[in-house]
Amino acid sequence: MAFLDKDKFVEMDKIGATWLDRGAEAYRQGDYELALQCYKKAADYGNSQAMCNLGYIYAFGRVGEADQEKAFYYFTQASLAGNPNAFYKLGDAFRFGNFEIDYRLALCYARGWGTDQRWDLALKYINEAQLYAYRNKQHGEYNWQKTSQRINKLHDEIVSEMFS
């Protein structure tokens, strides 16, 4: 009976890997909705990389507004399943808080990296990053000066571009 259980788990791993591959292909083609569905199916089969990829989809708002709670959930699930990328993302979240995610979103929208260039959304996310950086300053968090300078530089660039 144990042999049959092992075969079942091997088959589940293969199915999960197939859905992961389909999701990755859809993601590369920019079909984030399809990627989301494929990654969810792969995650249902226990594929930790699919769980991590779901975290990225939600963190960077690939299917609408960014949803940090869902991103954190999927990064946590993936890390519990042993995914090293998810451990890294959780470490970022605990070390830097949301400002790093907001900064990266602002950068993507300002530069048009992986999305359309949207100055309004770039400004929204850089303003949120500034709020978190200000909180870090108030609490004397590690490296807040360097972080604040980086955020303020991007903020100035965005505002300058919007009003030029």
N, C-alpha and C. Protein backbone atom coordinates (compact mmCIF):
# COMPACT_ATOMS: atom_id res chain seq x y z
N MET A 1 0.81 -1.20 0.00
CA MET A 1 0.00 0.00 0.00
C MET A 1 0.86 1.27 0.00
N ALA A 2 1.96 1.25 0.73
CA ALA A 2 2.85 2.42 0.77
C ALA A 2 3.39 2.72 -0.62
N PHE A 3 3.65 1.68 -1.41
CA PHE A 3 4.17 1.87 -2.77
C PHE A 3 3.15 2.63 -3.62
N LEU A 4 1.87 2.30 -3.47
CA LEU A 4 0.83 2.99 -4.22
C LEU A 4 0.75 4.45 -3.81
N ASP A 5 0.90 4.73 -2.51
CA ASP A 5 0.87 6.11 -2.04
C ASP A 5 2.02 6.91 -2.65
N LYS A 6 3.19 6.29 -2.74
CA LYS A 6 4.34 6.97 -3.34
C LYS A 6 4.05 7.30 -4.80
N ASP A 7 3.49 6.36 -5.52
CA ASP A 7 3.15 6.59 -6.92
C ASP A 7 2.14 7.74 -7.06
N LYS A 8 1.19 7.79 -6.12
CA LYS A 8 0.19 8.85 -6.16
C LYS A 8 0.86 10.21 -5.97
N PHE A 9 1.80 10.30 -5.04
CA PHE A 9 2.48 11.57 -4.81
C PHE A 9 3.37 11.97 -5.98
N VAL A 10 4.01 11.00 -6.60
CA VAL A 10 4.83 11.28 -7.79
C VAL A 10 3.94 11.82 -8.90
N GLU A 11 2.78 11.22 -9.09
CA GLU A 11 1.85 11.68 -10.11
C GLU A 11 1.34 13.09 -9.80
N MET A 12 1.05 13.36 -8.53
CA MET A 12 0.61 14.69 -8.13
C MET A 12 1.70 15.73 -8.41
N ASP A 13 2.96 15.37 -8.14
CA ASP A 13 4.07 16.28 -8.43
C ASP A 13 4.15 16.59 -9.92
N LYS A 14 3.96 15.57 -10.74
CA LYS A 14 4.01 15.76 -12.20
C LYS A 14 2.89 16.68 -12.67
N ILE A 15 1.69 16.46 -12.15
CA ILE A 15 0.55 17.31 -12.54
C ILE A 15 0.81 18.75 -12.11
N GLY A 16 1.28 18.92 -10.87
CA GLY A 16 1.59 20.27 -10.39
C GLY A 16 2.65 20.95 -11.24
N ALA A 17 3.69 20.19 -11.64
CA ALA A 17 4.75 20.75 -12.47
C ALA A 17 4.22 21.14 -13.85
N THR A 18 3.29 20.35 -14.38
CA THR A 18 2.70 20.67 -15.69
C THR A 18 1.92 21.97 -15.61
N TRP A 19 1.11 22.14 -14.57
CA TRP A 19 0.36 23.39 -14.40
C TRP A 19 1.31 24.57 -14.18
N LEU A 20 2.39 24.35 -13.44
CA LEU A 20 3.38 25.40 -13.23
C LEU A 20 3.96 25.85 -14.56
N ASP A 21 4.35 24.89 -15.39
CA ASP A 21 4.92 25.22 -16.72
C ASP A 21 3.92 25.99 -17.58
N ARG A 22 2.67 25.58 -17.56
CA ARG A 22 1.64 26.29 -18.34
C ARG A 22 1.47 27.72 -17.82
N GLY A 23 1.49 27.86 -16.51
CA GLY A 23 1.39 29.20 -15.91
C GLY A 23 2.56 30.08 -16.27
N ALA A 24 3.76 29.50 -16.25
CA ALA A 24 4.96 30.27 -16.60
C ALA A 24 4.91 30.74 -18.05
N GLU A 25 4.45 29.88 -18.93
CA GLU A 25 4.34 30.26 -20.34
C GLU A 25 3.31 31.38 -20.52
N ALA A 26 2.18 31.26 -19.85
CA ALA A 26 1.16 32.31 -19.93
C ALA A 26 1.71 33.62 -19.37
N TYR A 27 2.45 33.55 -18.27
CA TYR A 27 3.03 34.75 -17.67
C TYR A 27 4.01 35.42 -18.63
N ARG A 28 4.88 34.62 -19.26
CA ARG A 28 5.84 35.17 -20.22
C ARG A 28 5.14 35.87 -21.39
N GLN A 29 3.96 35.38 -21.74
CA GLN A 29 3.20 35.98 -22.85
C GLN A 29 2.33 37.15 -22.39
N GLY A 30 2.36 37.44 -21.10
CA GLY A 30 1.59 38.57 -20.57
C GLY A 30 0.15 38.25 -20.26
N ASP A 31 -0.23 36.97 -20.31
CA ASP A 31 -1.60 36.57 -19.97
C ASP A 31 -1.63 36.21 -18.48
N TYR A 32 -1.71 37.25 -17.66
CA TYR A 32 -1.61 37.06 -16.21
C TYR A 32 -2.82 36.37 -15.61
N GLU A 33 -3.99 36.57 -16.20
CA GLU A 33 -5.19 35.88 -15.72
C GLU A 33 -5.04 34.36 -15.88
N LEU A 34 -4.57 33.95 -17.06
CA LEU A 34 -4.36 32.52 -17.30
C LEU A 34 -3.25 31.99 -16.40
N ALA A 35 -2.18 32.77 -16.26
CA ALA A 35 -1.09 32.37 -15.37
C ALA A 35 -1.61 32.16 -13.95
N LEU A 36 -2.43 33.08 -13.48
CA LEU A 36 -3.02 32.98 -12.14
C LEU A 36 -3.78 31.67 -11.98
N GLN A 37 -4.63 31.35 -12.96
CA GLN A 37 -5.42 30.12 -12.88
C GLN A 37 -4.53 28.87 -12.89
N CYS A 38 -3.53 28.87 -13.75
CA CYS A 38 -2.62 27.72 -13.83
C CYS A 38 -1.82 27.56 -12.54
N TYR A 39 -1.32 28.68 -12.01
CA TYR A 39 -0.55 28.62 -10.76
C TYR A 39 -1.43 28.14 -9.60
N LYS A 40 -2.69 28.56 -9.59
CA LYS A 40 -3.58 28.09 -8.53
C LYS A 40 -3.77 26.58 -8.61
N LYS A 41 -3.92 26.05 -9.83
CA LYS A 41 -4.07 24.60 -9.98
C LYS A 41 -2.79 23.89 -9.55
N ALA A 42 -1.64 24.43 -9.93
CA ALA A 42 -0.37 23.82 -9.52
C ALA A 42 -0.23 23.87 -8.00
N ALA A 43 -0.64 24.98 -7.40
CA ALA A 43 -0.57 25.11 -5.94
C ALA A 43 -1.48 24.09 -5.26
N ASP A 44 -2.63 23.82 -5.87
CA ASP A 44 -3.54 22.81 -5.32
C ASP A 44 -2.87 21.44 -5.26
N TYR A 45 -1.89 21.22 -6.13
CA TYR A 45 -1.14 19.97 -6.13
C TYR A 45 0.13 20.06 -5.28
N GLY A 46 0.24 21.15 -4.53
CA GLY A 46 1.36 21.28 -3.59
C GLY A 46 2.63 21.86 -4.19
N ASN A 47 2.56 22.45 -5.37
CA ASN A 47 3.75 22.99 -6.01
C ASN A 47 4.14 24.32 -5.35
N SER A 48 5.27 24.32 -4.63
CA SER A 48 5.66 25.50 -3.87
C SER A 48 6.08 26.67 -4.77
N GLN A 49 6.65 26.39 -5.94
CA GLN A 49 7.02 27.49 -6.83
C GLN A 49 5.78 28.19 -7.36
N ALA A 50 4.73 27.44 -7.62
CA ALA A 50 3.47 28.05 -8.05
C ALA A 50 2.91 28.95 -6.95
N MET A 51 3.02 28.50 -5.70
CA MET A 51 2.56 29.34 -4.59
C MET A 51 3.35 30.64 -4.54
N CYS A 52 4.65 30.53 -4.72
CA CYS A 52 5.51 31.71 -4.73
C CYS A 52 5.15 32.63 -5.89
N ASN A 53 4.91 32.07 -7.06
CA ASN A 53 4.54 32.86 -8.22
C ASN A 53 3.21 33.57 -8.02
N LEU A 54 2.28 32.93 -7.32
CA LEU A 54 1.03 33.59 -6.97
C LEU A 54 1.30 34.81 -6.09
N GLY A 55 2.24 34.65 -5.18
CA GLY A 55 2.63 35.79 -4.35
C GLY A 55 3.10 36.97 -5.18
N TYR A 56 3.92 36.69 -6.19
CA TYR A 56 4.40 37.76 -7.07
C TYR A 56 3.25 38.39 -7.86
N ILE A 57 2.35 37.58 -8.36
CA ILE A 57 1.22 38.12 -9.12
C ILE A 57 0.42 39.10 -8.27
N TYR A 58 0.17 38.73 -7.03
CA TYR A 58 -0.60 39.61 -6.15
C TYR A 58 0.23 40.79 -5.67
N ALA A 59 1.50 40.57 -5.38
CA ALA A 59 2.35 41.66 -4.89
C ALA A 59 2.50 42.77 -5.92
N PHE A 60 2.59 42.40 -7.19
CA PHE A 60 2.81 43.38 -8.23
C PHE A 60 1.56 43.73 -9.01
N GLY A 61 0.39 43.28 -8.52
CA GLY A 61 -0.87 43.68 -9.13
C GLY A 61 -1.03 43.28 -10.58
N ARG A 62 -0.61 42.08 -10.91
CA ARG A 62 -0.68 41.64 -12.31
C ARG A 62 -2.10 41.37 -12.79
N VAL A 63 -3.04 41.21 -11.86
CA VAL A 63 -4.44 40.94 -12.24
C VAL A 63 -5.36 41.97 -11.58
N GLY A 64 -4.90 43.20 -11.51
CA GLY A 64 -5.67 44.26 -10.87
C GLY A 64 -4.80 44.99 -9.88
N GLU A 65 -5.42 45.54 -8.86
CA GLU A 65 -4.67 46.23 -7.82
C GLU A 65 -3.79 45.25 -7.07
N ALA A 66 -2.64 45.72 -6.64
CA ALA A 66 -1.77 44.89 -5.80
C ALA A 66 -2.51 44.53 -4.52
N ASP A 67 -2.33 43.31 -4.06
CA ASP A 67 -2.97 42.84 -2.84
C ASP A 67 -1.89 42.21 -1.96
N GLN A 68 -1.34 43.02 -1.06
CA GLN A 68 -0.22 42.57 -0.24
C GLN A 68 -0.61 41.46 0.73
N GLU A 69 -1.85 41.45 1.17
CA GLU A 69 -2.28 40.37 2.07
C GLU A 69 -2.27 39.03 1.36
N LYS A 70 -2.79 38.97 0.15
CA LYS A 70 -2.76 37.72 -0.62
C LYS A 70 -1.32 37.35 -0.97
N ALA A 71 -0.53 38.34 -1.33
CA ALA A 71 0.88 38.07 -1.66
C ALA A 71 1.58 37.46 -0.45
N PHE A 72 1.38 38.07 0.71
CA PHE A 72 2.01 37.57 1.94
C PHE A 72 1.54 36.16 2.25
N TYR A 73 0.24 35.91 2.06
CA TYR A 73 -0.31 34.57 2.29
C TYR A 73 0.40 33.54 1.41
N TYR A 74 0.50 33.81 0.12
CA TYR A 74 1.11 32.83 -0.78
C TYR A 74 2.62 32.69 -0.55
N PHE A 75 3.30 33.79 -0.24
CA PHE A 75 4.72 33.67 0.08
C PHE A 75 4.90 32.83 1.35
N THR A 76 4.00 33.00 2.30
CA THR A 76 4.08 32.21 3.54
C THR A 76 3.83 30.73 3.25
N GLN A 77 2.80 30.44 2.46
CA GLN A 77 2.51 29.04 2.12
C GLN A 77 3.68 28.39 1.38
N ALA A 78 4.25 29.14 0.45
CA ALA A 78 5.38 28.61 -0.32
C ALA A 78 6.59 28.38 0.58
N SER A 79 6.82 29.29 1.51
CA SER A 79 7.97 29.12 2.41
C SER A 79 7.75 27.93 3.34
N LEU A 80 6.52 27.73 3.78
CA LEU A 80 6.22 26.56 4.62
C LEU A 80 6.44 25.26 3.85
N ALA A 81 6.30 25.34 2.52
CA ALA A 81 6.54 24.17 1.67
C ALA A 81 8.02 24.06 1.27
N GLY A 82 8.85 24.98 1.79
CA GLY A 82 10.29 24.88 1.58
C GLY A 82 10.85 25.64 0.40
N ASN A 83 10.08 26.57 -0.17
CA ASN A 83 10.54 27.31 -1.35
C ASN A 83 11.50 28.43 -0.94
N PRO A 84 12.76 28.39 -1.41
CA PRO A 84 13.73 29.41 -1.01
C PRO A 84 13.40 30.81 -1.51
N ASN A 85 12.79 30.95 -2.69
CA ASN A 85 12.40 32.28 -3.17
C ASN A 85 11.38 32.92 -2.24
N ALA A 86 10.48 32.11 -1.73
CA ALA A 86 9.46 32.63 -0.82
C ALA A 86 10.08 33.06 0.51
N PHE A 87 11.06 32.30 0.98
CA PHE A 87 11.78 32.70 2.20
C PHE A 87 12.39 34.10 2.01
N TYR A 88 12.98 34.30 0.85
CA TYR A 88 13.60 35.58 0.53
C TYR A 88 12.56 36.70 0.57
N LYS A 89 11.41 36.48 -0.07
CA LYS A 89 10.37 37.51 -0.11
C LYS A 89 9.81 37.80 1.27
N LEU A 90 9.64 36.76 2.09
CA LEU A 90 9.17 37.00 3.46
C LEU A 90 10.22 37.76 4.25
N GLY A 91 11.48 37.43 4.03
CA GLY A 91 12.55 38.16 4.70
C GLY A 91 12.52 39.63 4.33
N ASP A 92 12.31 39.93 3.05
CA ASP A 92 12.17 41.31 2.60
C ASP A 92 11.01 42.00 3.32
N ALA A 93 9.89 41.30 3.38
CA ALA A 93 8.71 41.90 4.00
C ALA A 93 8.95 42.21 5.47
N PHE A 94 9.61 41.31 6.18
CA PHE A 94 9.85 41.54 7.60
C PHE A 94 10.96 42.57 7.82
N ARG A 95 11.94 42.60 6.94
CA ARG A 95 13.04 43.55 7.12
C ARG A 95 12.66 44.94 6.66
N PHE A 96 12.07 45.04 5.48
CA PHE A 96 11.82 46.35 4.90
C PHE A 96 10.37 46.80 5.01
N GLY A 97 9.47 45.90 5.30
CA GLY A 97 8.07 46.27 5.35
C GLY A 97 7.52 46.51 3.96
N ASN A 98 6.39 47.15 3.89
CA ASN A 98 5.72 47.36 2.61
C ASN A 98 6.40 48.38 1.72
N PHE A 99 7.24 49.25 2.30
CA PHE A 99 7.78 50.31 1.45
C PHE A 99 8.59 49.76 0.29
N GLU A 100 9.27 48.64 0.49
CA GLU A 100 10.07 48.08 -0.59
C GLU A 100 9.18 47.61 -1.73
N ILE A 101 8.06 47.00 -1.40
CA ILE A 101 7.12 46.57 -2.43
C ILE A 101 6.53 47.78 -3.14
N ASP A 102 6.13 48.78 -2.36
CA ASP A 102 5.57 49.99 -2.96
C ASP A 102 6.60 50.71 -3.83
N TYR A 103 7.84 50.76 -3.37
CA TYR A 103 8.89 51.39 -4.16
C TYR A 103 9.06 50.66 -5.49
N ARG A 104 9.11 49.35 -5.45
CA ARG A 104 9.30 48.57 -6.68
C ARG A 104 8.12 48.72 -7.63
N LEU A 105 6.91 48.77 -7.07
CA LEU A 105 5.74 49.00 -7.93
C LEU A 105 5.82 50.38 -8.58
N ALA A 106 6.19 51.38 -7.81
CA ALA A 106 6.33 52.73 -8.36
C ALA A 106 7.38 52.74 -9.47
N LEU A 107 8.47 52.06 -9.25
CA LEU A 107 9.53 51.99 -10.25
C LEU A 107 9.04 51.32 -11.54
N CYS A 108 8.29 50.23 -11.39
CA CYS A 108 7.76 49.54 -12.57
C CYS A 108 6.80 50.43 -13.35
N TYR A 109 5.91 51.12 -12.66
CA TYR A 109 4.97 52.00 -13.35
C TYR A 109 5.67 53.22 -13.94
N ALA A 110 6.68 53.75 -13.26
CA ALA A 110 7.40 54.90 -13.79
C ALA A 110 8.21 54.55 -15.03
N ARG A 111 8.78 53.36 -15.04
CA ARG A 111 9.64 52.96 -16.16
C ARG A 111 8.90 52.15 -17.23
N GLY A 112 7.69 51.69 -16.89
CA GLY A 112 6.96 50.84 -17.83
C GLY A 112 7.53 49.44 -17.89
N TRP A 113 8.09 48.97 -16.80
CA TRP A 113 8.69 47.63 -16.73
C TRP A 113 7.61 46.60 -16.40
N GLY A 114 7.28 45.75 -17.34
CA GLY A 114 6.30 44.69 -17.12
C GLY A 114 4.87 45.17 -17.13
N THR A 115 4.66 46.42 -17.41
CA THR A 115 3.32 47.00 -17.40
C THR A 115 3.35 48.27 -18.25
N ASP A 116 2.20 48.87 -18.44
CA ASP A 116 2.15 50.16 -19.12
C ASP A 116 2.73 51.23 -18.20
N GLN A 117 3.35 52.24 -18.78
CA GLN A 117 3.84 53.34 -17.98
C GLN A 117 2.64 54.13 -17.48
N ARG A 118 2.53 54.24 -16.16
CA ARG A 118 1.39 54.92 -15.54
C ARG A 118 1.91 55.84 -14.44
N TRP A 119 2.00 57.11 -14.74
CA TRP A 119 2.54 58.05 -13.77
C TRP A 119 1.63 58.19 -12.55
N ASP A 120 0.32 58.10 -12.76
CA ASP A 120 -0.60 58.22 -11.63
C ASP A 120 -0.39 57.09 -10.62
N LEU A 121 -0.22 55.86 -11.12
CA LEU A 121 0.03 54.74 -10.21
C LEU A 121 1.44 54.79 -9.63
N ALA A 122 2.39 55.25 -10.42
CA ALA A 122 3.75 55.41 -9.89
C ALA A 122 3.73 56.37 -8.70
N LEU A 123 3.00 57.48 -8.85
CA LEU A 123 2.90 58.46 -7.76
C LEU A 123 2.18 57.87 -6.55
N LYS A 124 1.13 57.13 -6.79
CA LYS A 124 0.39 56.50 -5.68
C LYS A 124 1.31 55.60 -4.86
N TYR A 125 2.07 54.74 -5.54
CA TYR A 125 2.90 53.79 -4.82
C TYR A 125 4.13 54.44 -4.20
N ILE A 126 4.69 55.46 -4.83
CA ILE A 126 5.85 56.11 -4.22
C ILE A 126 5.42 56.91 -3.00
N ASN A 127 4.20 57.45 -3.02
CA ASN A 127 3.69 58.15 -1.83
C ASN A 127 3.50 57.17 -0.67
N GLU A 128 3.01 55.98 -0.98
CA GLU A 128 2.87 54.96 0.07
C GLU A 128 4.24 54.54 0.61
N ALA A 129 5.21 54.43 -0.28
CA ALA A 129 6.57 54.07 0.14
C ALA A 129 7.12 55.15 1.07
N GLN A 130 6.85 56.41 0.74
CA GLN A 130 7.34 57.50 1.58
C GLN A 130 6.71 57.44 2.98
N LEU A 131 5.45 57.09 3.03
CA LEU A 131 4.78 56.97 4.33
C LEU A 131 5.45 55.89 5.18
N TYR A 132 5.71 54.72 4.59
CA TYR A 132 6.37 53.65 5.33
C TYR A 132 7.78 54.04 5.73
N ALA A 133 8.49 54.73 4.84
CA ALA A 133 9.85 55.15 5.16
C ALA A 133 9.84 56.15 6.31
N TYR A 134 8.85 57.03 6.33
CA TYR A 134 8.72 57.98 7.43
C TYR A 134 8.50 57.26 8.76
N ARG A 135 7.64 56.24 8.72
CA ARG A 135 7.43 55.43 9.94
C ARG A 135 8.71 54.77 10.39
N ASN A 136 9.50 54.26 9.42
CA ASN A 136 10.77 53.62 9.77
C ASN A 136 11.71 54.63 10.41
N LYS A 137 11.70 55.87 9.90
CA LYS A 137 12.54 56.92 10.49
C LYS A 137 12.12 57.17 11.93
N GLN A 138 10.82 57.26 12.17
CA GLN A 138 10.31 57.53 13.51
C GLN A 138 10.70 56.43 14.50
N HIS A 139 10.83 55.22 14.00
CA HIS A 139 11.17 54.09 14.87
C HIS A 139 12.67 53.75 14.82
N GLY A 140 13.44 54.58 14.14
CA GLY A 140 14.88 54.37 14.07
C GLY A 140 15.28 53.06 13.42
N GLU A 141 14.51 52.64 12.42
CA GLU A 141 14.78 51.37 11.75
C GLU A 141 16.12 51.41 11.03
N TYR A 142 16.67 50.25 10.84
CA TYR A 142 17.94 50.07 10.17
C TYR A 142 17.93 50.70 8.78
N ASN A 143 18.94 51.49 8.48
CA ASN A 143 19.20 52.00 7.14
C ASN A 143 18.10 52.91 6.59
N TRP A 144 17.36 53.58 7.47
CA TRP A 144 16.24 54.38 6.99
C TRP A 144 16.69 55.57 6.14
N GLN A 145 17.89 56.12 6.41
CA GLN A 145 18.35 57.28 5.63
C GLN A 145 18.54 56.92 4.16
N LYS A 146 19.24 55.84 3.90
CA LYS A 146 19.51 55.43 2.52
C LYS A 146 18.20 55.11 1.79
N THR A 147 17.32 54.42 2.49
CA THR A 147 16.02 54.07 1.91
C THR A 147 15.22 55.32 1.59
N SER A 148 15.19 56.26 2.50
CA SER A 148 14.44 57.49 2.30
C SER A 148 14.99 58.29 1.12
N GLN A 149 16.30 58.33 0.97
CA GLN A 149 16.90 59.05 -0.15
C GLN A 149 16.50 58.42 -1.48
N ARG A 150 16.52 57.10 -1.54
CA ARG A 150 16.15 56.40 -2.77
C ARG A 150 14.70 56.66 -3.13
N ILE A 151 13.82 56.61 -2.14
CA ILE A 151 12.40 56.85 -2.36
C ILE A 151 12.16 58.29 -2.80
N ASN A 152 12.80 59.24 -2.11
CA ASN A 152 12.60 60.65 -2.46
C ASN A 152 13.12 60.97 -3.85
N LYS A 153 14.20 60.34 -4.25
CA LYS A 153 14.74 60.57 -5.61
C LYS A 153 13.73 60.12 -6.66
N LEU A 154 13.14 58.92 -6.47
CA LEU A 154 12.15 58.44 -7.43
C LEU A 154 10.90 59.33 -7.39
N HIS A 155 10.50 59.75 -6.21
CA HIS A 155 9.34 60.63 -6.07
C HIS A 155 9.54 61.91 -6.88
N ASP A 156 10.72 62.52 -6.74
CA ASP A 156 11.01 63.76 -7.47
C ASP A 156 10.98 63.53 -8.97
N GLU A 157 11.50 62.40 -9.40
CA GLU A 157 11.50 62.07 -10.83
C GLU A 157 10.07 61.92 -11.36
N ILE A 158 9.22 61.22 -10.60
CA ILE A 158 7.84 61.01 -11.00
C ILE A 158 7.08 62.33 -11.09
N VAL A 159 7.19 63.15 -10.05
CA VAL A 159 6.50 64.44 -10.03
C VAL A 159 6.99 65.32 -11.16
N SER A 160 8.29 65.34 -11.38
CA SER A 160 8.85 66.15 -12.46
C SER A 160 8.31 65.70 -13.81
N GLU A 161 8.24 64.41 -14.02
CA GLU A 161 7.74 63.87 -15.29
C GLU A 161 6.25 64.15 -15.48
N MET A 162 5.50 64.07 -14.39
CA MET A 162 4.05 64.31 -14.48
C MET A 162 3.73 65.76 -14.83
N PHE A 163 4.55 66.69 -14.35
CA PHE A 163 4.23 68.09 -14.51
C PHE A 163 5.14 68.81 -15.51
N SER A 164 5.83 68.03 -16.34
CA SER A 164 6.69 68.68 -17.34
C SER A 164 5.98 68.80 -18.67
